[in-house]
Amino acid sequence: GALSDETSELFHHLFFGPFADRSQIEQLISEMLEDSSQVPLAIHSPRFGGVVGTCSIMSIDRHNGSAEIGSIWCISPARG
C-alpha cells in the first residue's frame, strides 16, 4: 500500500512525507482541504482498485487565468 513502499527519495522535492502511518496521510489531507490557496485532488486508479496518491492545483492566479499542478505523489506501482 501507500505506506509500505514510501521512501524519503519519493518525498525529496515535496513539503510533506514520508508518512509513518495512515493517520499522518489523513492529517495532511485535512490540512490541504483547509488551505484555500490550493485544491487537493485524489489520484484514483481502477487498475489498482482505489486511491494511489494525491496532487494539487496550486499557485492559482485568477487574474491571469493560470494555475500549477503540483505536490504530486503516488505509490510506486502506479508511477510511470
N, C-alpha and C. Protein backbone atom coordinates (compact mmCIF):
# COMPACT_ATOMS: atom_id res chain seq x y z
N GLY A 1 0.80 -1.19 0.00
CA GLY A 1 0.00 0.00 0.00
C GLY A 1 0.84 1.25 0.00
N ALA A 2 0.19 2.36 0.20
CA ALA A 2 0.84 3.67 0.13
C ALA A 2 1.91 3.83 1.18
N LEU A 3 1.83 3.13 2.28
CA LEU A 3 2.83 3.28 3.32
C LEU A 3 3.99 2.32 3.18
N SER A 4 3.74 1.15 2.66
CA SER A 4 4.78 0.11 2.66
C SER A 4 5.93 0.39 1.71
N ASP A 5 5.72 1.22 0.69
CA ASP A 5 6.79 1.45 -0.28
C ASP A 5 7.33 2.87 -0.27
N GLU A 6 6.95 3.66 0.72
CA GLU A 6 7.40 5.04 0.75
C GLU A 6 8.84 5.15 1.23
N THR A 7 9.59 5.98 0.53
CA THR A 7 10.96 6.26 0.93
C THR A 7 11.16 7.76 0.95
N SER A 8 12.21 8.20 1.59
CA SER A 8 12.48 9.63 1.63
C SER A 8 12.78 10.17 0.24
N GLU A 9 13.28 9.33 -0.68
CA GLU A 9 13.55 9.78 -2.06
C GLU A 9 12.28 10.26 -2.74
N LEU A 10 11.19 9.57 -2.53
CA LEU A 10 9.92 9.93 -3.15
C LEU A 10 9.49 11.33 -2.73
N PHE A 11 9.80 11.72 -1.52
CA PHE A 11 9.34 12.99 -0.97
C PHE A 11 10.41 14.07 -0.96
N HIS A 12 11.54 13.79 -1.59
CA HIS A 12 12.66 14.73 -1.58
C HIS A 12 12.25 16.13 -2.05
N HIS A 13 11.42 16.23 -3.07
CA HIS A 13 11.03 17.51 -3.66
C HIS A 13 9.71 18.04 -3.10
N LEU A 14 9.13 17.37 -2.14
CA LEU A 14 7.83 17.78 -1.59
C LEU A 14 8.00 18.40 -0.21
N PHE A 15 6.97 19.11 0.24
CA PHE A 15 6.98 19.74 1.56
C PHE A 15 6.31 18.88 2.62
N PHE A 16 6.10 17.60 2.32
CA PHE A 16 5.47 16.68 3.26
C PHE A 16 6.02 15.28 3.04
N GLY A 17 5.70 14.37 3.99
CA GLY A 17 6.09 12.97 3.90
C GLY A 17 7.55 12.73 4.19
N PRO A 18 7.99 11.49 4.23
CA PRO A 18 7.15 10.29 4.12
C PRO A 18 6.26 10.11 5.35
N PHE A 19 5.31 9.24 5.22
CA PHE A 19 4.31 9.03 6.26
C PHE A 19 4.60 7.76 7.04
N ALA A 20 4.47 7.85 8.35
CA ALA A 20 4.69 6.68 9.22
C ALA A 20 3.45 5.80 9.28
N ASP A 21 2.28 6.43 9.14
CA ASP A 21 1.03 5.65 9.22
C ASP A 21 -0.09 6.41 8.52
N ARG A 22 -1.22 5.76 8.42
CA ARG A 22 -2.38 6.31 7.72
C ARG A 22 -2.85 7.62 8.34
N SER A 23 -2.75 7.76 9.65
CA SER A 23 -3.23 8.97 10.31
C SER A 23 -2.45 10.20 9.84
N GLN A 24 -1.17 10.03 9.51
CA GLN A 24 -0.39 11.16 9.01
C GLN A 24 -0.86 11.58 7.62
N ILE A 25 -1.25 10.62 6.80
CA ILE A 25 -1.81 10.94 5.48
C ILE A 25 -3.14 11.67 5.65
N GLU A 26 -3.98 11.17 6.54
CA GLU A 26 -5.27 11.82 6.79
C GLU A 26 -5.09 13.24 7.31
N GLN A 27 -4.09 13.46 8.17
CA GLN A 27 -3.80 14.80 8.68
C GLN A 27 -3.38 15.72 7.56
N LEU A 28 -2.52 15.24 6.66
CA LEU A 28 -2.09 16.05 5.52
C LEU A 28 -3.29 16.44 4.66
N ILE A 29 -4.15 15.49 4.35
CA ILE A 29 -5.32 15.77 3.52
C ILE A 29 -6.23 16.79 4.20
N SER A 30 -6.43 16.66 5.50
CA SER A 30 -7.23 17.61 6.25
C SER A 30 -6.65 19.02 6.15
N GLU A 31 -5.34 19.14 6.32
CA GLU A 31 -4.67 20.44 6.21
C GLU A 31 -4.79 21.00 4.80
N MET A 32 -4.65 20.14 3.78
CA MET A 32 -4.76 20.59 2.40
C MET A 32 -6.16 21.11 2.09
N LEU A 33 -7.17 20.46 2.64
CA LEU A 33 -8.56 20.88 2.40
C LEU A 33 -8.87 22.22 3.06
N GLU A 34 -8.16 22.55 4.13
CA GLU A 34 -8.38 23.82 4.82
C GLU A 34 -7.61 24.97 4.18
N ASP A 35 -6.65 24.68 3.32
CA ASP A 35 -5.80 25.68 2.68
C ASP A 35 -6.47 26.19 1.42
N SER A 36 -6.97 27.42 1.45
CA SER A 36 -7.71 27.95 0.30
C SER A 36 -6.81 28.32 -0.88
N SER A 37 -5.49 28.22 -0.72
CA SER A 37 -4.59 28.55 -1.82
C SER A 37 -4.36 27.39 -2.77
N GLN A 38 -4.95 26.23 -2.47
CA GLN A 38 -4.79 25.07 -3.33
C GLN A 38 -6.06 24.23 -3.35
N VAL A 39 -6.15 23.39 -4.37
CA VAL A 39 -7.27 22.46 -4.50
C VAL A 39 -6.67 21.05 -4.56
N PRO A 40 -6.75 20.30 -3.45
CA PRO A 40 -6.19 18.95 -3.45
C PRO A 40 -7.11 17.98 -4.18
N LEU A 41 -6.50 17.03 -4.88
CA LEU A 41 -7.24 16.02 -5.63
C LEU A 41 -6.67 14.64 -5.32
N ALA A 42 -7.51 13.65 -5.32
CA ALA A 42 -7.07 12.26 -5.16
C ALA A 42 -6.75 11.70 -6.55
N ILE A 43 -5.73 10.86 -6.61
CA ILE A 43 -5.41 10.15 -7.85
C ILE A 43 -5.96 8.74 -7.67
N HIS A 44 -6.97 8.42 -8.48
CA HIS A 44 -7.65 7.13 -8.38
C HIS A 44 -7.24 6.26 -9.56
N SER A 45 -6.98 5.00 -9.31
CA SER A 45 -6.60 4.08 -10.37
C SER A 45 -7.50 2.85 -10.35
N PRO A 46 -8.32 2.67 -11.39
CA PRO A 46 -9.11 1.45 -11.47
C PRO A 46 -8.21 0.20 -11.50
N ARG A 47 -7.05 0.34 -12.13
CA ARG A 47 -6.11 -0.78 -12.22
C ARG A 47 -5.67 -1.27 -10.84
N PHE A 48 -5.46 -0.32 -9.92
CA PHE A 48 -5.02 -0.68 -8.58
C PHE A 48 -6.17 -0.70 -7.58
N GLY A 49 -7.37 -0.41 -8.04
CA GLY A 49 -8.55 -0.55 -7.21
C GLY A 49 -8.77 0.50 -6.15
N GLY A 50 -8.30 1.70 -6.40
CA GLY A 50 -8.55 2.76 -5.42
C GLY A 50 -7.62 3.93 -5.56
N VAL A 51 -7.56 4.72 -4.50
CA VAL A 51 -6.71 5.90 -4.48
C VAL A 51 -5.26 5.48 -4.33
N VAL A 52 -4.41 6.03 -5.20
CA VAL A 52 -2.99 5.67 -5.18
C VAL A 52 -2.09 6.87 -4.86
N GLY A 53 -2.68 8.06 -4.68
CA GLY A 53 -1.88 9.24 -4.37
C GLY A 53 -2.72 10.50 -4.41
N THR A 54 -2.02 11.63 -4.42
CA THR A 54 -2.69 12.94 -4.47
C THR A 54 -1.90 13.89 -5.36
N CYS A 55 -2.57 14.95 -5.76
CA CYS A 55 -1.93 16.09 -6.40
C CYS A 55 -2.75 17.32 -6.04
N SER A 56 -2.24 18.49 -6.34
CA SER A 56 -2.95 19.72 -6.02
C SER A 56 -2.90 20.69 -7.17
N ILE A 57 -3.98 21.43 -7.34
CA ILE A 57 -3.97 22.60 -8.20
C ILE A 57 -3.56 23.74 -7.29
N MET A 58 -2.47 24.41 -7.63
CA MET A 58 -1.91 25.42 -6.74
C MET A 58 -1.38 26.61 -7.53
N SER A 59 -0.85 27.58 -6.84
CA SER A 59 -0.38 28.82 -7.48
C SER A 59 -1.47 29.36 -8.39
N ILE A 60 -2.68 29.39 -7.87
CA ILE A 60 -3.85 29.81 -8.64
C ILE A 60 -3.81 31.32 -8.82
N ASP A 61 -3.82 31.77 -10.06
CA ASP A 61 -3.82 33.19 -10.41
C ASP A 61 -5.09 33.48 -11.18
N ARG A 62 -6.11 33.87 -10.47
CA ARG A 62 -7.42 34.12 -11.11
C ARG A 62 -7.35 35.28 -12.10
N HIS A 63 -6.53 36.28 -11.82
CA HIS A 63 -6.41 37.44 -12.70
C HIS A 63 -5.90 37.04 -14.08
N ASN A 64 -4.90 36.18 -14.12
CA ASN A 64 -4.32 35.76 -15.40
C ASN A 64 -4.86 34.42 -15.90
N GLY A 65 -5.73 33.79 -15.12
CA GLY A 65 -6.33 32.53 -15.53
C GLY A 65 -5.33 31.39 -15.62
N SER A 66 -4.42 31.32 -14.64
CA SER A 66 -3.43 30.25 -14.69
C SER A 66 -3.33 29.55 -13.33
N ALA A 67 -2.79 28.36 -13.37
CA ALA A 67 -2.58 27.57 -12.15
C ALA A 67 -1.49 26.54 -12.44
N GLU A 68 -1.03 25.92 -11.38
CA GLU A 68 0.02 24.91 -11.46
C GLU A 68 -0.51 23.61 -10.87
N ILE A 69 -0.13 22.49 -11.45
CA ILE A 69 -0.43 21.19 -10.85
C ILE A 69 0.85 20.73 -10.18
N GLY A 70 0.78 20.47 -8.86
CA GLY A 70 1.98 20.11 -8.14
C GLY A 70 1.68 19.25 -6.93
N SER A 71 2.67 19.11 -6.06
CA SER A 71 2.57 18.26 -4.87
C SER A 71 2.05 16.88 -5.24
N ILE A 72 2.61 16.33 -6.29
CA ILE A 72 2.16 15.04 -6.82
C ILE A 72 2.94 13.90 -6.15
N TRP A 73 2.22 12.93 -5.62
CA TRP A 73 2.86 11.70 -5.12
C TRP A 73 1.90 10.55 -5.30
N CYS A 74 2.44 9.39 -5.52
CA CYS A 74 1.63 8.17 -5.61
C CYS A 74 2.49 6.97 -5.27
N ILE A 75 1.84 5.88 -5.01
CA ILE A 75 2.55 4.65 -4.65
C ILE A 75 3.42 4.21 -5.82
N SER A 76 4.52 3.54 -5.53
CA SER A 76 5.48 3.19 -6.58
C SER A 76 4.90 2.32 -7.70
N PRO A 77 4.02 1.34 -7.44
CA PRO A 77 3.49 0.55 -8.56
C PRO A 77 2.66 1.37 -9.55
N ALA A 78 2.16 2.54 -9.13
CA ALA A 78 1.33 3.36 -10.01
C ALA A 78 2.14 4.41 -10.77
N ARG A 79 3.41 4.52 -10.47
CA ARG A 79 4.25 5.52 -11.15
C ARG A 79 4.70 4.99 -12.51
N GLY A 80 4.88 5.96 -13.43
CA GLY A 80 5.45 5.61 -14.72
C GLY A 80 4.52 5.33 -15.78
